[in-house]
PDB file of N, CA and C in Angstrom:
ATOM      1  N   UNK A   1      18.981 -17.538  27.194  1.00  0.00           N
ATOM      2  CA  UNK A   1      17.755 -16.186  27.061  1.00  0.00           C
ATOM      3  C   UNK A   1      17.474 -15.130  25.896  1.00  0.00           C
ATOM      4  N   UNK A   2      18.867 -14.934  26.026  1.00  0.00           N
ATOM      5  CA  UNK A   2      19.089 -13.442  24.529  1.00  0.00           C
ATOM      6  C   UNK A   2      19.356 -14.421  23.370  1.00  0.00           C
ATOM      7  N   UNK A   3      19.422 -15.720  22.904  1.00  0.00           N
ATOM      8  CA  UNK A   3      19.773 -16.569  22.062  1.00  0.00           C
ATOM      9  C   UNK A   3      17.901 -16.592  21.413  1.00  0.00           C
ATOM     10  N   UNK A   4      17.792 -17.431  22.781  1.00  0.00           N
ATOM     11  CA  UNK A   4      16.056 -17.234  21.916  1.00  0.00           C
ATOM     12  C   UNK A   4      15.250 -15.714  21.659  1.00  0.00           C
ATOM     13  N   UNK A   5      15.777 -15.033  22.569  1.00  0.00           N
ATOM     14  CA  UNK A   5      15.188 -13.537  22.288  1.00  0.00           C
ATOM     15  C   UNK A   5      15.483 -13.305  20.609  1.00  0.00           C
ATOM     16  N   UNK A   6      16.589 -13.383  20.210  1.00  0.00           N
ATOM     17  CA  UNK A   6      17.330 -12.649  19.214  1.00  0.00           C
ATOM     18  C   UNK A   6      16.013 -13.834  17.864  1.00  0.00           C
ATOM     19  N   UNK A   7      16.202 -15.191  18.117  1.00  0.00           N
ATOM     20  CA  UNK A   7      15.620 -15.978  17.614  1.00  0.00           C
ATOM     21  C   UNK A   7      14.529 -15.261  17.179  1.00  0.00           C
ATOM     22  N   UNK A   8      13.469 -15.704  17.756  1.00  0.00           N
ATOM     23  CA  UNK A   8      12.115 -15.489  17.944  1.00  0.00           C
ATOM     24  C   UNK A   8      11.861 -13.371  17.315  1.00  0.00           C
ATOM     25  N   UNK A   9      12.823 -12.547  17.377  1.00  0.00           N
ATOM     26  CA  UNK A   9      12.652 -11.015  16.651  1.00  0.00           C
ATOM     27  C   UNK A   9      12.961 -11.681  15.284  1.00  0.00           C
ATOM     28  N   UNK A  10      14.110 -12.598  15.016  1.00  0.00           N
ATOM     29  CA  UNK A  10      14.199 -13.012  13.697  1.00  0.00           C
ATOM     30  C   UNK A  10      13.278 -13.233  13.084  1.00  0.00           C
ATOM     31  N   UNK A  11      12.459 -14.390  13.493  1.00  0.00           N
ATOM     32  CA  UNK A  11      11.484 -15.451  12.814  1.00  0.00           C
ATOM     33  C   UNK A  11      10.175 -14.205  13.052  1.00  0.00           C
ATOM     34  N   UNK A  12       9.960 -13.768  13.913  1.00  0.00           N
ATOM     35  CA  UNK A  12       9.005 -12.206  13.746  1.00  0.00           C
ATOM     36  C   UNK A  12       9.142 -11.474  12.298  1.00  0.00           C
ATOM     37  N   UNK A  13      10.163 -10.799  12.478  1.00  0.00           N
ATOM     38  CA  UNK A  13      10.369 -10.285  11.175  1.00  0.00           C
ATOM     39  C   UNK A  13      10.751 -10.723   9.890  1.00  0.00           C
ATOM     40  N   UNK A  14      10.468 -12.113   9.842  1.00  0.00           N
ATOM     41  CA  UNK A  14      10.767 -12.772   8.793  1.00  0.00           C
ATOM     42  C   UNK A  14       9.150 -13.356   8.046  1.00  0.00           C
ATOM     43  N   UNK A  15       8.516 -13.110   9.288  1.00  0.00           N
ATOM     44  CA  UNK A  15       6.551 -13.648   8.793  1.00  0.00           C
ATOM     45  C   UNK A  15       6.402 -12.007   9.035  1.00  0.00           C
ATOM     46  N   UNK A  16       6.825 -11.157   9.316  1.00  0.00           N
ATOM     47  CA  UNK A  16       6.135 -10.088   8.611  1.00  0.00           C
ATOM     48  C   UNK A  16       6.674  -9.694   7.273  1.00  0.00           C
ATOM     49  N   UNK A  17       7.987  -9.598   7.078  1.00  0.00           N
ATOM     50  CA  UNK A  17       8.318  -9.641   5.083  1.00  0.00           C
ATOM     51  C   UNK A  17       7.718 -10.495   4.678  1.00  0.00           C
ATOM     52  N   UNK A  18       7.482 -11.445   5.042  1.00  0.00           N
ATOM     53  CA  UNK A  18       6.818 -12.927   4.147  1.00  0.00           C
ATOM     54  C   UNK A  18       4.794 -12.070   3.883  1.00  0.00           C
ATOM     55  N   UNK A  19       4.562 -11.545   4.887  1.00  0.00           N
ATOM     56  CA  UNK A  19       2.935 -11.238   4.928  1.00  0.00           C
ATOM     57  C   UNK A  19       2.897  -9.620   3.986  1.00  0.00           C
ATOM     58  N   UNK A  20       3.828  -8.918   4.306  1.00  0.00           N
ATOM     59  CA  UNK A  20       3.895  -8.006   3.236  1.00  0.00           C
ATOM     60  C   UNK A  20       4.190  -8.141   1.967  1.00  0.00           C
ATOM     61  N   UNK A  21       4.908  -9.300   2.023  1.00  0.00           N
ATOM     62  CA  UNK A  21       5.348  -9.637   0.249  1.00  0.00           C
ATOM     63  C   UNK A  21       3.617 -10.113  -0.256  1.00  0.00           C
ATOM     64  N   UNK A  22       3.147 -10.864   0.192  1.00  0.00           N
ATOM     65  CA  UNK A  22       2.019 -11.758  -0.204  1.00  0.00           C
ATOM     66  C   UNK A  22       1.157 -10.305  -0.794  1.00  0.00           C
ATOM     67  N   UNK A  23       0.426  -9.367   0.847  1.00  0.00           N
ATOM     68  CA  UNK A  23      -0.032  -8.625   0.603  1.00  0.00           C
ATOM     69  C   UNK A  23       0.311  -7.833  -0.936  1.00  0.00           C
ATOM     70  N   UNK A  24       1.205  -7.248  -0.465  1.00  0.00           N
ATOM     71  CA  UNK A  24       1.549  -6.811  -2.192  1.00  0.00           C
ATOM     72  C   UNK A  24       1.923  -7.015  -3.214  1.00  0.00           C
ATOM     73  N   UNK A  25       2.122  -8.529  -3.177  1.00  0.00           N
ATOM     74  CA  UNK A  25       2.338  -9.164  -4.888  1.00  0.00           C
ATOM     75  C   UNK A  25       0.946  -9.778  -4.993  1.00  0.00           C
ATOM     76  N   UNK A  26       0.347 -10.163  -4.521  1.00  0.00           N
ATOM     77  CA  UNK A  26      -0.939 -11.322  -4.585  1.00  0.00           C
ATOM     78  C   UNK A  26      -2.149 -10.390  -4.538  1.00  0.00           C
ATOM     79  N   UNK A  27      -2.260  -9.701  -3.403  1.00  0.00           N
ATOM     80  CA  UNK A  27      -3.228  -8.986  -3.247  1.00  0.00           C
ATOM     81  C   UNK A  27      -3.381  -7.505  -4.242  1.00  0.00           C
ATOM     82  N   UNK A  28      -1.928  -7.136  -3.975  1.00  0.00           N
ATOM     83  CA  UNK A  28      -2.123  -5.957  -5.449  1.00  0.00           C
ATOM     84  C   UNK A  28      -2.059  -6.754  -6.862  1.00  0.00           C
ATOM     85  N   UNK A  29      -1.961  -7.792  -7.145  1.00  0.00           N
ATOM     86  CA  UNK A  29      -1.918  -8.015  -8.469  1.00  0.00           C
ATOM     87  C   UNK A  29      -2.669  -8.699  -8.812  1.00  0.00           C
ATOM     88  N   UNK A  30      -4.372  -8.627  -7.962  1.00  0.00           N
ATOM     89  CA  UNK A  30      -5.246  -8.801  -7.894  1.00  0.00           C
ATOM     90  C   UNK A  30      -6.269  -7.278  -8.598  1.00  0.00           C
ATOM     91  N   UNK A  31      -6.113  -6.300  -7.788  1.00  0.00           N
ATOM     92  CA  UNK A  31      -6.615  -5.443  -7.645  1.00  0.00           C
ATOM     93  C   UNK A  31      -5.883  -4.624  -8.694  1.00  0.00           C
ATOM     94  N   UNK A  32      -5.024  -4.943  -9.125  1.00  0.00           N
ATOM     95  CA  UNK A  32      -4.597  -3.965 -10.588  1.00  0.00           C
ATOM     96  C   UNK A  32      -5.305  -4.665 -12.037  1.00  0.00           C
ATOM     97  N   UNK A  33      -5.771  -6.250 -11.884  1.00  0.00           N
ATOM     98  CA  UNK A  33      -6.596  -7.226 -12.877  1.00  0.00           C
ATOM     99  C   UNK A  33      -7.739  -6.064 -12.966  1.00  0.00           C
ATOM    100  N   UNK A  34      -8.156  -6.349 -11.613  1.00  0.00           N
ATOM    101  CA  UNK A  34      -9.592  -5.867 -11.161  1.00  0.00           C
ATOM    102  C   UNK A  34      -9.834  -4.864 -12.105  1.00  0.00           C
ATOM    103  N   UNK A  35      -8.739  -3.679 -11.952  1.00  0.00           N
ATOM    104  CA  UNK A  35      -8.800  -2.298 -12.348  1.00  0.00           C
ATOM    105  C   UNK A  35      -9.250  -2.397 -13.926  1.00  0.00           C
ATOM    106  N   UNK A  36      -7.600  -2.878 -14.570  1.00  0.00           N
ATOM    107  CA  UNK A  36      -7.866  -3.481 -15.713  1.00  0.00           C
ATOM    108  C   UNK A  36      -9.151  -3.554 -16.430  1.00  0.00           C
ATOM    109  N   UNK A  37      -9.354  -4.798 -15.943  1.00  0.00           N
ATOM    110  CA  UNK A  37     -10.976  -5.431 -16.258  1.00  0.00           C
ATOM    111  C   UNK A  37     -11.778  -4.302 -16.101  1.00  0.00           C
ATOM    112  N   UNK A  38     -12.166  -3.368 -15.471  1.00  0.00           N
ATOM    113  CA  UNK A  38     -13.237  -2.091 -15.213  1.00  0.00           C
ATOM    114  C   UNK A  38     -12.822  -1.368 -16.168  1.00  0.00           C
ATOM    115  N   UNK A  39     -11.348  -1.155 -16.696  1.00  0.00           N
ATOM    116  CA  UNK A  39     -11.866  -0.319 -17.464  1.00  0.00           C
ATOM    117  C   UNK A  39     -11.791  -0.476 -19.169  1.00  0.00           C
ATOM    118  N   UNK A  40     -11.669  -1.771 -19.275  1.00  0.00           N
ATOM    119  CA  UNK A  40     -11.851  -2.146 -20.314  1.00  0.00           C
ATOM    120  C   UNK A  40     -13.499  -2.389 -20.592  1.00  0.00           C
ATOM    121  N   UNK A  41     -14.452  -2.540 -19.777  1.00  0.00           N
ATOM    122  CA  UNK A  41     -15.695  -2.999 -19.212  1.00  0.00           C
ATOM    123  C   UNK A  41     -16.609  -1.559 -19.577  1.00  0.00           C
ATOM    124  N   UNK A  42     -15.457  -0.646 -18.963  1.00  0.00           N
ATOM    125  CA  UNK A  42     -15.659   0.586 -19.204  1.00  0.00           C
ATOM    126  C   UNK A  42     -15.739   1.365 -20.786  1.00  0.00           C
ATOM    127  N   UNK A  43     -14.959   0.904 -21.514  1.00  0.00           N
ATOM    128  CA  UNK A  43     -14.215   1.573 -22.887  1.00  0.00           C
ATOM    129  C   UNK A  43     -15.481   0.524 -23.791  1.00  0.00           C
ATOM    130  N   UNK A  44     -15.955  -0.723 -23.026  1.00  0.00           N
ATOM    131  CA  UNK A  44     -17.091  -0.947 -24.201  1.00  0.00           C
ATOM    132  C   UNK A  44     -18.356  -0.502 -24.080  1.00  0.00           C
ATOM    133  N   UNK A  45     -18.712   0.051 -22.886  1.00  0.00           N
ATOM    134  CA  UNK A  45     -20.465   0.770 -22.646  1.00  0.00           C
ATOM    135  C   UNK A  45     -20.524   1.656 -23.658  1.00  0.00           C
ATOM    136  N   UNK A  46     -21.945   1.307 -24.705  1.00  0.00           N
ATOM    137  CA  UNK A  46     -22.684   2.319 -25.040  1.00  0.00           C
ATOM    138  C   UNK A  46     -22.277   3.887 -24.870  1.00  0.00           C
ATOM    139  N   UNK A  47     -22.434   4.886 -25.385  1.00  0.00           N
ATOM    140  CA  UNK A  47     -22.293   6.368 -25.327  1.00  0.00           C
ATOM    141  C   UNK A  47     -23.458   6.291 -24.519  1.00  0.00           C
ATOM    142  N   UNK A  48     -24.808   6.107 -24.732  1.00  0.00           N
ATOM    143  CA  UNK A  48     -25.977   5.949 -23.724  1.00  0.00           C
ATOM    144  C   UNK A  48     -25.948   5.648 -22.491  1.00  0.00           C
ATOM    145  N   UNK A  49     -25.166   5.303 -22.275  1.00  0.00           N
ATOM    146  CA  UNK A  49     -24.981   4.374 -20.698  1.00  0.00           C
ATOM    147  C   UNK A  49     -24.226   4.724 -19.888  1.00  0.00           C
ATOM    148  N   UNK A  50     -24.786   6.486 -19.833  1.00  0.00           N
ATOM    149  CA  UNK A  50     -24.148   7.249 -18.575  1.00  0.00           C
ATOM    150  C   UNK A  50     -23.962   6.692 -17.610  1.00  0.00           C
ATOM    151  N   UNK A  51     -25.346   6.251 -16.791  1.00  0.00           N
ATOM    152  CA  UNK A  51     -25.199   5.833 -14.858  1.00  0.00           C
ATOM    153  C   UNK A  51     -24.458   4.765 -15.287  1.00  0.00           C
ATOM    154  N   UNK A  52     -24.101   3.954 -15.658  1.00  0.00           N
ATOM    155  CA  UNK A  52     -23.025   2.336 -16.300  1.00  0.00           C
ATOM    156  C   UNK A  52     -21.841   3.328 -16.065  1.00  0.00           C
ATOM    157  N   UNK A  53     -20.904   4.639 -17.143  1.00  0.00           N
ATOM    158  CA  UNK A  53     -19.898   4.692 -16.994  1.00  0.00           C
ATOM    159  C   UNK A  53     -19.926   5.260 -15.716  1.00  0.00           C
ATOM    160  N   UNK A  54     -20.726   6.124 -14.966  1.00  0.00           N
ATOM    161  CA  UNK A  54     -20.570   6.585 -13.401  1.00  0.00           C
ATOM    162  C   UNK A  54     -20.049   5.970 -12.457  1.00  0.00           C
ATOM    163  N   UNK A  55     -20.721   4.794 -12.696  1.00  0.00           N
ATOM    164  CA  UNK A  55     -20.602   3.430 -11.900  1.00  0.00           C
ATOM    165  C   UNK A  55     -18.966   2.889 -12.384  1.00  0.00           C
ATOM    166  N   UNK A  56     -18.909   2.884 -13.097  1.00  0.00           N
ATOM    167  CA  UNK A  56     -17.647   2.065 -13.848  1.00  0.00           C
ATOM    168  C   UNK A  56     -16.490   2.928 -13.150  1.00  0.00           C
ATOM    169  N   UNK A  57     -16.739   4.452 -13.104  1.00  0.00           N
ATOM    170  CA  UNK A  57     -15.485   5.007 -12.603  1.00  0.00           C
ATOM    171  C   UNK A  57     -15.425   4.950 -11.134  1.00  0.00           C
ATOM    172  N   UNK A  58     -16.785   5.350 -10.248  1.00  0.00           N
ATOM    173  CA  UNK A  58     -16.524   5.113  -9.187  1.00  0.00           C
ATOM    174  C   UNK A  58     -15.847   4.180  -8.898  1.00  0.00           C
ATOM    175  N   UNK A  59     -16.059   2.899  -9.454  1.00  0.00           N
ATOM    176  CA  UNK A  59     -15.445   1.364  -8.992  1.00  0.00           C
ATOM    177  C   UNK A  59     -13.563   1.568  -9.122  1.00  0.00           C
ATOM    178  N   UNK A  60     -13.660   2.476  -9.935  1.00  0.00           N
ATOM    179  CA  UNK A  60     -12.240   2.416 -10.447  1.00  0.00           C
ATOM    180  C   UNK A  60     -11.643   2.883  -9.089  1.00  0.00           C
ATOM    181  N   UNK A  61     -12.346   4.358  -9.019  1.00  0.00           N
ATOM    182  CA  UNK A  61     -11.732   4.991  -7.638  1.00  0.00           C
ATOM    183  C   UNK A  61     -11.918   4.075  -6.649  1.00  0.00           C
ATOM    184  N   UNK A  62     -13.133   3.481  -6.088  1.00  0.00           N
ATOM    185  CA  UNK A  62     -12.452   2.518  -4.789  1.00  0.00           C
ATOM    186  C   UNK A  62     -11.288   1.524  -5.128  1.00  0.00           C
ATOM    187  N   UNK A  63     -10.815   0.835  -6.700  1.00  0.00           N
ATOM    188  CA  UNK A  63      -9.558   0.677  -6.555  1.00  0.00           C
ATOM    189  C   UNK A  63      -8.685   0.943  -6.442  1.00  0.00           C
ATOM    190  N   UNK A  64      -8.542   2.245  -7.034  1.00  0.00           N
ATOM    191  CA  UNK A  64      -7.530   3.281  -6.366  1.00  0.00           C
ATOM    192  C   UNK A  64      -7.146   3.142  -5.303  1.00  0.00           C
ATOM    193  N   UNK A  65      -7.971   3.469  -4.105  1.00  0.00           N
ATOM    194  CA  UNK A  65      -7.893   3.516  -2.951  1.00  0.00           C
ATOM    195  C   UNK A  65      -7.469   2.062  -2.344  1.00  0.00           C
ATOM    196  N   UNK A  66      -8.247   1.039  -2.872  1.00  0.00           N
ATOM    197  CA  UNK A  66      -7.479  -0.169  -2.395  1.00  0.00           C
ATOM    198  C   UNK A  66      -6.490  -0.627  -2.967  1.00  0.00           C
ATOM    199  N   UNK A  67      -5.960  -0.135  -3.812  1.00  0.00           N
ATOM    200  CA  UNK A  67      -4.464  -0.132  -4.117  1.00  0.00           C
ATOM    201  C   UNK A  67      -3.447   0.696  -2.941  1.00  0.00           C
ATOM    202  N   UNK A  68      -3.903   1.852  -3.004  1.00  0.00           N
ATOM    203  CA  UNK A  68      -2.720   2.048  -2.626  1.00  0.00           C
ATOM    204  C   UNK A  68      -3.046   2.349  -0.883  1.00  0.00           C
ATOM    205  N   UNK A  69      -4.313   1.432  -0.270  1.00  0.00           N
ATOM    206  CA  UNK A  69      -4.226   1.360   0.804  1.00  0.00           C
ATOM    207  C   UNK A  69      -3.205  -0.166   1.170  1.00  0.00           C
ATOM    208  N   UNK A  70      -3.419  -1.427   0.187  1.00  0.00           N
ATOM    209  CA  UNK A  70      -2.457  -2.105  -0.102  1.00  0.00           C
ATOM    210  C   UNK A  70      -0.529  -1.747  -0.068  1.00  0.00           C
ATOM    211  N   UNK A  71      -0.901  -0.906  -0.757  1.00  0.00           N
ATOM    212  CA  UNK A  71       0.695  -0.461  -0.849  1.00  0.00           C
ATOM    213  C   UNK A  71       1.071  -0.182   0.769  1.00  0.00           C
ATOM    214  N   UNK A  72       0.325   0.834   1.717  1.00  0.00           N
ATOM    215  CA  UNK A  72       0.832   1.715   2.903  1.00  0.00           C
ATOM    216  C   UNK A  72       0.655   0.502   3.705  1.00  0.00           C
ATOM    217  N   UNK A  73       0.077  -0.699   3.801  1.00  0.00           N
ATOM    218  CA  UNK A  73      -0.261  -1.782   4.808  1.00  0.00           C
ATOM    219  C   UNK A  73       1.306  -2.518   4.442  1.00  0.00           C
ATOM    220  N   UNK A  74       1.661  -2.702   3.125  1.00  0.00           N
ATOM    221  CA  UNK A  74       2.766  -3.700   3.019  1.00  0.00           C
ATOM    222  C   UNK A  74       3.643  -2.823   3.705  1.00  0.00           C
ATOM    223  N   UNK A  75       3.576  -1.921   2.925  1.00  0.00           N
ATOM    224  CA  UNK A  75       5.147  -0.951   3.356  1.00  0.00           C
ATOM    225  C   UNK A  75       5.566  -0.796   4.757  1.00  0.00           C
ATOM    226  N   UNK A  76       4.219  -0.528   5.759  1.00  0.00           N
ATOM    227  CA  UNK A  76       4.219  -0.252   6.934  1.00  0.00           C
ATOM    228  C   UNK A  76       4.538  -1.546   8.068  1.00  0.00           C
ATOM    229  N   UNK A  77       4.250  -2.656   7.292  1.00  0.00           N
ATOM    230  CA  UNK A  77       4.718  -3.850   8.217  1.00  0.00           C
ATOM    231  C   UNK A  77       5.936  -3.888   7.735  1.00  0.00           C
ATOM    232  N   UNK A  78       6.853  -4.085   6.701  1.00  0.00           N
ATOM    233  CA  UNK A  78       7.714  -4.231   6.465  1.00  0.00           C
ATOM    234  C   UNK A  78       8.460  -3.583   5.640  1.00  0.00           C
ATOM    235  N   UNK A  79       9.160  -2.348   5.757  1.00  0.00           N
ATOM    236  CA  UNK A  79       9.600  -1.614   4.661  1.00  0.00           C
ATOM    237  C   UNK A  79      10.974  -2.317   3.880  1.00  0.00           C
ATOM    238  N   UNK A  80      10.531  -2.073   2.904  1.00  0.00           N
ATOM    239  CA  UNK A  80      11.626  -2.876   1.808  1.00  0.00           C
ATOM    240  C   UNK A  80      12.619  -1.872   1.896  1.00  0.00           C
ATOM    241  N   UNK A  81      12.995  -0.725   1.773  1.00  0.00           N
ATOM    242  CA  UNK A  81      14.197  -0.078   2.399  1.00  0.00           C
ATOM    243  C   UNK A  81      14.970  -0.575   3.930  1.00  0.00           C
ATOM    244  N   UNK A  82      14.014  -1.302   4.827  1.00  0.00           N
ATOM    245  CA  UNK A  82      14.927  -1.652   5.461  1.00  0.00           C
ATOM    246  C   UNK A  82      15.885  -3.083   5.345  1.00  0.00           C
ATOM    247  N   UNK A  83      15.358  -3.382   4.126  1.00  0.00           N
ATOM    248  CA  UNK A  83      16.267  -4.846   4.149  1.00  0.00           C
ATOM    249  C   UNK A  83      17.483  -4.349   2.880  1.00  0.00           C
ATOM    250  N   UNK A  84      16.987  -3.593   2.057  1.00  0.00           N
ATOM    251  CA  UNK A  84      17.916  -3.128   1.608  1.00  0.00           C
ATOM    252  C   UNK A  84      18.965  -2.068   1.779  1.00  0.00           C
ATOM    253  N   UNK A  85      18.603  -0.857   2.659  1.00  0.00           N
ATOM    254  CA  UNK A  85      19.088  -0.029   2.919  1.00  0.00           C
ATOM    255  C   UNK A  85      19.569  -0.093   4.833  1.00  0.00           C
ATOM    256  N   UNK A  86      18.888  -0.760   5.631  1.00  0.00           N
ATOM    257  CA  UNK A  86      19.011  -0.675   6.877  1.00  0.00           C
ATOM    258  C   UNK A  86      18.146   0.321   7.412  1.00  0.00           C
ATOM    259  N   UNK A  87      18.351   0.257   8.838  1.00  0.00           N
ATOM    260  CA  UNK A  87      17.399   0.665  10.317  1.00  0.00           C
ATOM    261  C   UNK A  87      17.686   2.669   9.594  1.00  0.00           C
ATOM    262  N   UNK A  88      19.012   2.996   9.623  1.00  0.00           N
ATOM    263  CA  UNK A  88      18.594   4.807   9.611  1.00  0.00           C
ATOM    264  C   UNK A  88      17.998   4.972   8.357  1.00  0.00           C
ATOM    265  N   UNK A  89      18.200   4.580   7.138  1.00  0.00           N
ATOM    266  CA  UNK A  89      17.480   5.427   6.092  1.00  0.00           C
ATOM    267  C   UNK A  89      15.688   4.971   6.522  1.00  0.00           C
ATOM    268  N   UNK A  90      15.464   3.508   6.915  1.00  0.00           N
ATOM    269  CA  UNK A  90      13.866   3.207   6.771  1.00  0.00           C
ATOM    270  C   UNK A  90      13.650   3.624   7.931  1.00  0.00           C
ATOM    271  N   UNK A  91      13.848   4.419   9.106  1.00  0.00           N
ATOM    272  CA  UNK A  91      13.340   5.571  10.084  1.00  0.00           C
ATOM    273  C   UNK A  91      13.347   6.606   9.317  1.00  0.00           C
ATOM    274  N   UNK A  92      14.275   7.194   8.319  1.00  0.00           N
ATOM    275  CA  UNK A  92      14.132   8.617   8.075  1.00  0.00           C
ATOM    276  C   UNK A  92      12.908   8.385   6.850  1.00  0.00           C
ATOM    277  N   UNK A  93      12.476   7.155   6.041  1.00  0.00           N
ATOM    278  CA  UNK A  93      11.417   7.394   4.977  1.00  0.00           C
ATOM    279  C   UNK A  93      10.406   7.098   5.596  1.00  0.00           C
ATOM    280  N   UNK A  94      10.136   6.321   7.145  1.00  0.00           N
ATOM    281  CA  UNK A  94       8.907   6.605   7.464  1.00  0.00           C
ATOM    282  C   UNK A  94       8.315   7.730   8.095  1.00  0.00           C
ATOM    283  N   UNK A  95       9.463   8.595   8.778  1.00  0.00           N
ATOM    284  CA  UNK A  95       9.252   9.422   9.420  1.00  0.00           C
ATOM    285  C   UNK A  95       9.068  10.678   8.465  1.00  0.00           C
ATOM    286  N   UNK A  96       9.652  10.341   7.323  1.00  0.00           N
ATOM    287  CA  UNK A  96       8.675  11.450   6.032  1.00  0.00           C
ATOM    288  C   UNK A  96       7.512  11.029   5.720  1.00  0.00           C
ATOM    289  N   UNK A  97       7.362   9.618   5.534  1.00  0.00           N
ATOM    290  CA  UNK A  97       5.838   9.532   5.253  1.00  0.00           C
ATOM    291  C   UNK A  97       4.577   9.734   6.243  1.00  0.00           C
ATOM    292  N   UNK A  98       5.251   9.671   7.546  1.00  0.00           N
ATOM    293  CA  UNK A  98       4.365  10.083   8.549  1.00  0.00           C
ATOM    294  C   UNK A  98       4.457  11.417   8.580  1.00  0.00           C
ATOM    295  N   UNK A  99       5.262  12.331   8.459  1.00  0.00           N
ATOM    296  CA  UNK A  99       5.527  14.105   8.489  1.00  0.00           C
ATOM    297  C   UNK A  99       4.587  14.369   6.837  1.00  0.00           C
ATOM    298  N   UNK A 100       4.130  13.838   5.994  1.00  0.00           N
ATOM    299  CA  UNK A 100       3.218  13.805   4.771  1.00  0.00           C
ATOM    300  C   UNK A 100       1.632  13.419   4.932  1.00  0.00           C
ATOM    301  N   UNK A 101       1.549  12.872   5.810  1.00  0.00           N
ATOM    302  CA  UNK A 101      -0.024  12.581   5.827  1.00  0.00           C
ATOM    303  C   UNK A 101      -0.765  13.920   6.772  1.00  0.00           C
ATOM    304  N   UNK A 102      -2.042  14.138   6.347  1.00  0.00           N
ATOM    305  CA  UNK A 102      -2.250  15.491   6.272  1.00  0.00           C
ATOM    306  C   UNK A 102      -2.635  15.623   8.114  1.00  0.00           C
ATOM    307  N   UNK A 103      -3.414  14.422   8.460  1.00  0.00           N
ATOM    308  CA  UNK A 103      -3.602  14.666  10.281  1.00  0.00           C
ATOM    309  C   UNK A 103      -2.154  15.010  10.762  1.00  0.00           C
ATOM    310  N   UNK A 104      -1.075  14.462  11.004  1.00  0.00           N
ATOM    311  CA  UNK A 104       0.091  14.906  10.828  1.00  0.00           C
ATOM    312  C   UNK A 104       1.349  15.806  10.882  1.00  0.00           C
ATOM    313  N   UNK A 105       0.688  16.126   9.684  1.00  0.00           N
ATOM    314  CA  UNK A 105       1.295  17.574   9.004  1.00  0.00           C
ATOM    315  C   UNK A 105       1.691  18.755  10.336  1.00  0.00           C
ATOM    316  N   UNK A 106       3.122  19.349  10.179  1.00  0.00           N
ATOM    317  CA  UNK A 106       2.853  20.466  10.817  1.00  0.00           C
ATOM    318  C   UNK A 106       2.045  21.075  10.622  1.00  0.00           C
ATOM    319  N   UNK A 107       1.962  22.100  11.320  1.00  0.00           N
ATOM    320  CA  UNK A 107       1.186  23.970  10.895  1.00  0.00           C
ATOM    321  C   UNK A 107       2.157  24.583  10.756  1.00  0.00           C
ATOM    322  N   UNK A 108       1.572  25.423   9.574  1.00  0.00           N
ATOM    323  CA  UNK A 108       2.949  25.930   8.568  1.00  0.00           C
ATOM    324  C   UNK A 108       2.891  27.219   9.589  1.00  0.00           C
ATOM    325  N   UNK A 109       2.683  27.619  10.735  1.00  0.00           N
ATOM    326  CA  UNK A 109       2.894  28.591  11.709  1.00  0.00           C
ATOM    327  C   UNK A 109       4.197  28.334  12.233  1.00  0.00           C
ATOM    328  N   UNK A 110       4.356  26.348  12.533  1.00  0.00           N
ATOM    329  CA  UNK A 110       5.289  26.288  13.340  1.00  0.00           C
ATOM    330  C   UNK A 110       6.640  25.879  12.364  1.00  0.00           C
ATOM    331  N   UNK A 111       6.669  26.025  11.309  1.00  0.00           N
ATOM    332  CA  UNK A 111       7.372  25.907   9.952  1.00  0.00           C
ATOM    333  C   UNK A 111       8.525  26.607  10.109  1.00  0.00           C
TER     334      UNK A 111
END
């Protein structure tokens, strides 16, 4: 039973690593390409196309958010540091990331 449990955990971790890699590599590269395409399109807009330029900047901002979310989800799903440096370093990194999120930051009066 213990061997089966260990095997199932290993399989689950391998799947999480594969999904995280796919999210980061495939979705991340698509978003980067989209951002480049929007920047190129924006640079070719005539000077009098102010409304279109504002829309292109808005799209770039949304792409930046999507890229950040993609990176965060992949990292939370399977931190690369876990494989490279082990569990203690991964826990320390996760705690640091968690503490830097505004909704979880410690109030200054408690620091």
